[in-house]
Amino acid sequence: FTVRGHRFAAATKDGRVQLRLPRAET
């Protein structure tokens, strides 16, 4: 999932979600 070409979330084949977050929120 992207917003204006910048990926912010993705789901992998193995059922994991990957989320781009700032350091403190990570």
PDB file of all heavy atoms in Angstrom:
ATOM      1  N   PHE A   1       0.849  -1.174   0.000  1.00  0.00           N
ATOM      2  CA  PHE A   1       0.000   0.000   0.000  1.00  0.00           C
ATOM      3  C   PHE A   1       0.889   1.229   0.000  1.00  0.00           C
ATOM      4  O   PHE A   1       1.809   1.335   0.820  1.00  0.00           O
ATOM      5  CB  PHE A   1      -0.925  -0.003   1.223  1.00  0.00           C
ATOM      6  CG  PHE A   1      -1.832  -1.208   1.233  1.00  0.00           C
ATOM      7  CD1 PHE A   1      -1.469  -2.346   1.928  1.00  0.00           C
ATOM      8  CD2 PHE A   1      -3.008  -1.211   0.510  1.00  0.00           C
ATOM      9  CE1 PHE A   1      -2.279  -3.472   1.921  1.00  0.00           C
ATOM     10  CE2 PHE A   1      -3.829  -2.329   0.489  1.00  0.00           C
ATOM     11  CZ  PHE A   1      -3.460  -3.467   1.195  1.00  0.00           C
ATOM     12  N   THR A   2       0.604   2.129  -0.930  1.00  0.00           N
ATOM     13  CA  THR A   2       1.418   3.329  -1.076  1.00  0.00           C
ATOM     14  C   THR A   2       0.535   4.572  -1.048  1.00  0.00           C
ATOM     15  O   THR A   2      -0.641   4.520  -1.392  1.00  0.00           O
ATOM     16  CB  THR A   2       2.206   3.318  -2.398  1.00  0.00           C
ATOM     17  OG1 THR A   2       1.277   3.232  -3.495  1.00  0.00           O
ATOM     18  CG2 THR A   2       3.174   2.155  -2.463  1.00  0.00           C
ATOM     19  N   VAL A   3       1.145   5.671  -0.652  1.00  0.00           N
ATOM     20  CA  VAL A   3       0.510   6.977  -0.749  1.00  0.00           C
ATOM     21  C   VAL A   3       1.435   7.824  -1.606  1.00  0.00           C
ATOM     22  O   VAL A   3       2.597   8.025  -1.263  1.00  0.00           O
ATOM     23  CB  VAL A   3       0.226   7.618   0.626  1.00  0.00           C
ATOM     24  CG1 VAL A   3       1.461   7.705   1.500  1.00  0.00           C
ATOM     25  CG2 VAL A   3      -0.440   8.984   0.465  1.00  0.00           C
ATOM     26  N   ARG A   4       0.925   8.223  -2.768  1.00  0.00           N
ATOM     27  CA  ARG A   4       1.706   8.980  -3.755  1.00  0.00           C
ATOM     28  C   ARG A   4       3.080   8.347  -4.000  1.00  0.00           C
ATOM     29  O   ARG A   4       4.093   9.010  -4.039  1.00  0.00           O
ATOM     30  CB  ARG A   4       1.848  10.429  -3.337  1.00  0.00           C
ATOM     31  CG  ARG A   4       0.546  11.194  -3.404  1.00  0.00           C
ATOM     32  CD  ARG A   4       0.762  12.677  -3.364  1.00  0.00           C
ATOM     33  NE  ARG A   4      -0.500  13.386  -3.263  1.00  0.00           N
ATOM     34  CZ  ARG A   4      -0.600  14.649  -2.923  1.00  0.00           C
ATOM     35  NH1 ARG A   4       0.474  15.352  -2.640  1.00  0.00           N
ATOM     36  NH2 ARG A   4      -1.783  15.210  -2.856  1.00  0.00           N
ATOM     37  N   GLY A   5       3.067   7.032  -4.149  1.00  0.00           N
ATOM     38  CA  GLY A   5       4.278   6.304  -4.489  1.00  0.00           C
ATOM     39  C   GLY A   5       5.168   5.907  -3.324  1.00  0.00           C
ATOM     40  O   GLY A   5       6.164   5.222  -3.519  1.00  0.00           O
ATOM     41  N   HIS A   6       4.822   6.299  -2.126  1.00  0.00           N
ATOM     42  CA  HIS A   6       5.624   5.959  -0.943  1.00  0.00           C
ATOM     43  C   HIS A   6       4.950   4.810  -0.202  1.00  0.00           C
ATOM     44  O   HIS A   6       3.834   4.955   0.296  1.00  0.00           O
ATOM     45  CB  HIS A   6       5.772   7.161  -0.007  1.00  0.00           C
ATOM     46  CG  HIS A   6       6.454   8.318  -0.636  1.00  0.00           C
ATOM     47  ND1 HIS A   6       7.815   8.383  -0.795  1.00  0.00           N
ATOM     48  CD2 HIS A   6       5.951   9.458  -1.171  1.00  0.00           C
ATOM     49  CE1 HIS A   6       8.129   9.508  -1.384  1.00  0.00           C
ATOM     50  NE2 HIS A   6       7.015  10.188  -1.637  1.00  0.00           N
ATOM     51  N   ARG A   7       5.655   3.684  -0.106  1.00  0.00           N
ATOM     52  CA  ARG A   7       5.094   2.524   0.588  1.00  0.00           C
ATOM     53  C   ARG A   7       5.027   2.791   2.080  1.00  0.00           C
ATOM     54  O   ARG A   7       5.987   3.241   2.688  1.00  0.00           O
ATOM     55  CB  ARG A   7       5.946   1.290   0.346  1.00  0.00           C
ATOM     56  CG  ARG A   7       5.314   0.052   0.992  1.00  0.00           C
ATOM     57  CD  ARG A   7       6.181  -1.140   0.968  1.00  0.00           C
ATOM     58  NE  ARG A   7       6.489  -1.530  -0.389  1.00  0.00           N
ATOM     59  CZ  ARG A   7       6.922  -2.717  -0.729  1.00  0.00           C
ATOM     60  NH1 ARG A   7       7.108  -3.630   0.184  1.00  0.00           N
ATOM     61  NH2 ARG A   7       7.193  -3.001  -1.975  1.00  0.00           N
ATOM     62  N   PHE A   8       3.852   2.496   2.649  1.00  0.00           N
ATOM     63  CA  PHE A   8       3.705   2.658   4.094  1.00  0.00           C
ATOM     64  C   PHE A   8       3.291   1.356   4.770  1.00  0.00           C
ATOM     65  O   PHE A   8       3.483   1.195   5.963  1.00  0.00           O
ATOM     66  CB  PHE A   8       2.736   3.795   4.443  1.00  0.00           C
ATOM     67  CG  PHE A   8       1.304   3.550   4.051  1.00  0.00           C
ATOM     68  CD1 PHE A   8       0.406   3.011   4.955  1.00  0.00           C
ATOM     69  CD2 PHE A   8       0.850   3.868   2.780  1.00  0.00           C
ATOM     70  CE1 PHE A   8      -0.914   2.800   4.599  1.00  0.00           C
ATOM     71  CE2 PHE A   8      -0.463   3.666   2.416  1.00  0.00           C
ATOM     72  CZ  PHE A   8      -1.350   3.122   3.327  1.00  0.00           C
ATOM     73  N   ALA A   9       2.730   0.417   4.023  1.00  0.00           N
ATOM     74  CA  ALA A   9       2.318  -0.855   4.609  1.00  0.00           C
ATOM     75  C   ALA A   9       2.388  -1.944   3.550  1.00  0.00           C
ATOM     76  O   ALA A   9       2.237  -1.676   2.363  1.00  0.00           O
ATOM     77  CB  ALA A   9       0.895  -0.757   5.161  1.00  0.00           C
ATOM     78  N   ALA A  10       2.621  -3.165   4.015  1.00  0.00           N
ATOM     79  CA  ALA A  10       2.650  -4.314   3.112  1.00  0.00           C
ATOM     80  C   ALA A  10       2.323  -5.568   3.903  1.00  0.00           C
ATOM     81  O   ALA A  10       2.543  -5.627   5.114  1.00  0.00           O
ATOM     82  CB  ALA A  10       4.028  -4.449   2.461  1.00  0.00           C
ATOM     83  N   ALA A  11       1.793  -6.545   3.198  1.00  0.00           N
ATOM     84  CA  ALA A  11       1.524  -7.858   3.800  1.00  0.00           C
ATOM     85  C   ALA A  11       2.338  -8.888   3.036  1.00  0.00           C
ATOM     86  O   ALA A  11       2.319  -8.907   1.805  1.00  0.00           O
ATOM     87  CB  ALA A  11       0.038  -8.191   3.727  1.00  0.00           C
ATOM     88  N   THR A  12       3.044  -9.722   3.763  1.00  0.00           N
ATOM     89  CA  THR A  12       3.888 -10.730   3.142  1.00  0.00           C
ATOM     90  C   THR A  12       3.112 -12.030   2.936  1.00  0.00           C
ATOM     91  O   THR A  12       2.042 -12.221   3.517  1.00  0.00           O
ATOM     92  CB  THR A  12       5.131 -11.006   4.013  1.00  0.00           C
ATOM     93  OG1 THR A  12       4.695 -11.534   5.267  1.00  0.00           O
ATOM     94  CG2 THR A  12       5.940  -9.737   4.236  1.00  0.00           C
ATOM     95  N   LYS A  13       3.675 -12.915   2.137  1.00  0.00           N
ATOM     96  CA  LYS A  13       3.037 -14.215   1.877  1.00  0.00           C
ATOM     97  C   LYS A  13       2.842 -15.024   3.150  1.00  0.00           C
ATOM     98  O   LYS A  13       1.908 -15.803   3.266  1.00  0.00           O
ATOM     99  CB  LYS A  13       3.900 -15.043   0.921  1.00  0.00           C
ATOM    100  CG  LYS A  13       3.897 -14.584  -0.487  1.00  0.00           C
ATOM    101  CD  LYS A  13       4.742 -15.548  -1.313  1.00  0.00           C
ATOM    102  CE  LYS A  13       5.155 -14.950  -2.611  1.00  0.00           C
ATOM    103  NZ  LYS A  13       6.012 -15.856  -3.384  1.00  0.00           N
ATOM    104  N   ASP A  14       3.755 -14.837   4.119  1.00  0.00           N
ATOM    105  CA  ASP A  14       3.677 -15.621   5.361  1.00  0.00           C
ATOM    106  C   ASP A  14       2.762 -14.995   6.418  1.00  0.00           C
ATOM    107  O   ASP A  14       2.788 -15.377   7.588  1.00  0.00           O
ATOM    108  CB  ASP A  14       5.072 -15.883   5.931  1.00  0.00           C
ATOM    109  CG  ASP A  14       5.794 -14.624   6.364  1.00  0.00           C
ATOM    110  OD1 ASP A  14       5.303 -13.508   6.098  1.00  0.00           O
ATOM    111  OD2 ASP A  14       6.866 -14.752   6.988  1.00  0.00           O
ATOM    112  N   GLY A  15       1.931 -14.016   6.024  1.00  0.00           N
ATOM    113  CA  GLY A  15       0.931 -13.468   6.935  1.00  0.00           C
ATOM    114  C   GLY A  15       1.433 -12.410   7.896  1.00  0.00           C
ATOM    115  O   GLY A  15       0.837 -12.195   8.950  1.00  0.00           O
ATOM    116  N   ARG A  16       2.490 -11.741   7.536  1.00  0.00           N
ATOM    117  CA  ARG A  16       3.000 -10.658   8.384  1.00  0.00           C
ATOM    118  C   ARG A  16       2.685  -9.314   7.733  1.00  0.00           C
ATOM    119  O   ARG A  16       2.643  -9.196   6.526  1.00  0.00           O
ATOM    120  CB  ARG A  16       4.505 -10.777   8.572  1.00  0.00           C
ATOM    121  CG  ARG A  16       4.904 -11.992   9.369  1.00  0.00           C
ATOM    122  CD  ARG A  16       6.421 -12.012   9.573  1.00  0.00           C
ATOM    123  NE  ARG A  16       6.801 -13.099  10.418  1.00  0.00           N
ATOM    124  CZ  ARG A  16       6.777 -13.072  11.747  1.00  0.00           C
ATOM    125  NH1 ARG A  16       6.385 -11.986  12.370  1.00  0.00           N
ATOM    126  NH2 ARG A  16       7.128 -14.100  12.454  1.00  0.00           N
ATOM    127  N   VAL A  17       2.496  -8.314   8.571  1.00  0.00           N
ATOM    128  CA  VAL A  17       2.307  -6.952   8.084  1.00  0.00           C
ATOM    129  C   VAL A  17       3.582  -6.177   8.389  1.00  0.00           C
ATOM    130  O   VAL A  17       4.182  -6.338   9.454  1.00  0.00           O
ATOM    131  CB  VAL A  17       1.066  -6.271   8.710  1.00  0.00           C
ATOM    132  CG1 VAL A  17       1.169  -6.166  10.204  1.00  0.00           C
ATOM    133  CG2 VAL A  17       0.836  -4.904   8.098  1.00  0.00           C
ATOM    134  N   GLN A  18       4.010  -5.390   7.411  1.00  0.00           N
ATOM    135  CA  GLN A  18       5.186  -4.531   7.565  1.00  0.00           C
ATOM    136  C   GLN A  18       4.704  -3.089   7.502  1.00  0.00           C
ATOM    137  O   GLN A  18       4.015  -2.712   6.553  1.00  0.00           O
ATOM    138  CB  GLN A  18       6.193  -4.786   6.446  1.00  0.00           C
ATOM    139  CG  GLN A  18       6.692  -6.196   6.406  1.00  0.00           C
ATOM    140  CD  GLN A  18       7.641  -6.477   5.259  1.00  0.00           C
ATOM    141  OE1 GLN A  18       8.496  -7.318   5.396  1.00  0.00           O
ATOM    142  NE2 GLN A  18       7.513  -5.805   4.139  1.00  0.00           N
ATOM    143  N   LEU A  19       5.045  -2.310   8.515  1.00  0.00           N
ATOM    144  CA  LEU A  19       4.593  -0.923   8.604  1.00  0.00           C
ATOM    145  C   LEU A  19       5.780   0.002   8.792  1.00  0.00           C
ATOM    146  O   LEU A  19       6.612  -0.215   9.676  1.00  0.00           O
ATOM    147  CB  LEU A  19       3.625  -0.770   9.777  1.00  0.00           C
ATOM    148  CG  LEU A  19       2.362  -1.611   9.675  1.00  0.00           C
ATOM    149  CD1 LEU A  19       1.711  -1.774  11.026  1.00  0.00           C
ATOM    150  CD2 LEU A  19       1.406  -0.974   8.686  1.00  0.00           C
ATOM    151  N   ARG A  20       5.856   1.024   7.950  1.00  0.00           N
ATOM    152  CA  ARG A  20       6.905   2.030   8.083  1.00  0.00           C
ATOM    153  C   ARG A  20       6.447   3.051   9.121  1.00  0.00           C
ATOM    154  O   ARG A  20       5.373   3.617   9.008  1.00  0.00           O
ATOM    155  CB  ARG A  20       7.144   2.731   6.741  1.00  0.00           C
ATOM    156  CG  ARG A  20       7.582   1.827   5.608  1.00  0.00           C
ATOM    157  CD  ARG A  20       9.017   1.376   5.735  1.00  0.00           C
ATOM    158  NE  ARG A  20       9.968   2.451   5.720  1.00  0.00           N
ATOM    159  CZ  ARG A  20      10.746   2.784   4.699  1.00  0.00           C
ATOM    160  NH1 ARG A  20      10.696   2.087   3.591  1.00  0.00           N
ATOM    161  NH2 ARG A  20      11.579   3.790   4.787  1.00  0.00           N
ATOM    162  N   LEU A  21       7.265   3.262  10.145  1.00  0.00           N
ATOM    163  CA  LEU A  21       6.912   4.161  11.244  1.00  0.00           C
ATOM    164  C   LEU A  21       8.124   4.964  11.686  1.00  0.00           C
ATOM    165  O   LEU A  21       9.259   4.496  11.565  1.00  0.00           O
ATOM    166  CB  LEU A  21       6.404   3.365  12.452  1.00  0.00           C
ATOM    167  CG  LEU A  21       5.101   2.605  12.279  1.00  0.00           C
ATOM    168  CD1 LEU A  21       4.927   1.581  13.387  1.00  0.00           C
ATOM    169  CD2 LEU A  21       3.942   3.576  12.247  1.00  0.00           C
ATOM    170  N   PRO A  22       7.901   6.146  12.251  1.00  0.00           N
ATOM    171  CA  PRO A  22       9.011   6.892  12.850  1.00  0.00           C
ATOM    172  C   PRO A  22       9.599   6.103  14.019  1.00  0.00           C
ATOM    173  O   PRO A  22       8.937   5.239  14.596  1.00  0.00           O
ATOM    174  CB  PRO A  22       8.354   8.188  13.344  1.00  0.00           C
ATOM    175  CG  PRO A  22       7.063   8.283  12.614  1.00  0.00           C
ATOM    176  CD  PRO A  22       6.651   6.877  12.293  1.00  0.00           C
ATOM    177  N   ARG A  23      10.814   6.422  14.390  1.00  0.00           N
ATOM    178  CA  ARG A  23      11.537   5.666  15.418  1.00  0.00           C
ATOM    179  C   ARG A  23      10.760   5.527  16.729  1.00  0.00           C
ATOM    180  O   ARG A  23      10.620   4.424  17.257  1.00  0.00           O
ATOM    181  CB  ARG A  23      12.899   6.299  15.696  1.00  0.00           C
ATOM    182  CG  ARG A  23      13.701   5.552  16.750  1.00  0.00           C
ATOM    183  CD  ARG A  23      15.069   6.146  16.925  1.00  0.00           C
ATOM    184  NE  ARG A  23      15.881   5.882  15.759  1.00  0.00           N
ATOM    185  CZ  ARG A  23      16.772   4.901  15.684  1.00  0.00           C
ATOM    186  NH1 ARG A  23      16.960   4.118  16.708  1.00  0.00           N
ATOM    187  NH2 ARG A  23      17.472   4.711  14.598  1.00  0.00           N
ATOM    188  N   ALA A  24      10.243   6.622  17.261  1.00  0.00           N
ATOM    189  CA  ALA A  24       9.546   6.561  18.558  1.00  0.00           C
ATOM    190  C   ALA A  24       8.311   5.663  18.470  1.00  0.00           C
ATOM    191  O   ALA A  24       8.046   4.877  19.386  1.00  0.00           O
ATOM    192  CB  ALA A  24       9.144   7.960  19.008  1.00  0.00           C
ATOM    193  N   GLU A  25       7.578   5.762  17.384  1.00  0.00           N
ATOM    194  CA  GLU A  25       6.388   4.925  17.224  1.00  0.00           C
ATOM    195  C   GLU A  25       6.776   3.465  16.986  1.00  0.00           C
ATOM    196  O   GLU A  25       6.070   2.560  17.436  1.00  0.00           O
ATOM    197  CB  GLU A  25       5.516   5.456  16.093  1.00  0.00           C
ATOM    198  CG  GLU A  25       4.880   6.785  16.461  1.00  0.00           C
ATOM    199  CD  GLU A  25       3.978   7.334  15.382  1.00  0.00           C
ATOM    200  OE1 GLU A  25       3.097   6.597  14.915  1.00  0.00           O
ATOM    201  OE2 GLU A  25       4.158   8.509  15.033  1.00  0.00           O
ATOM    202  N   THR A  26       7.884   3.238  16.320  1.00  0.00           N
ATOM    203  CA  THR A  26       8.370   1.874  16.129  1.00  0.00           C
ATOM    204  C   THR A  26       8.705   1.247  17.474  1.00  0.00           C
ATOM    205  O   THR A  26       8.300   0.120  17.765  1.00  0.00           O
ATOM    206  CB  THR A  26       9.616   1.852  15.214  1.00  0.00           C
ATOM    207  OG1 THR A  26       9.251   2.328  13.925  1.00  0.00           O
ATOM    208  CG2 THR A  26      10.196   0.461  15.099  1.00  0.00           C
TER     209      THR A  26
END
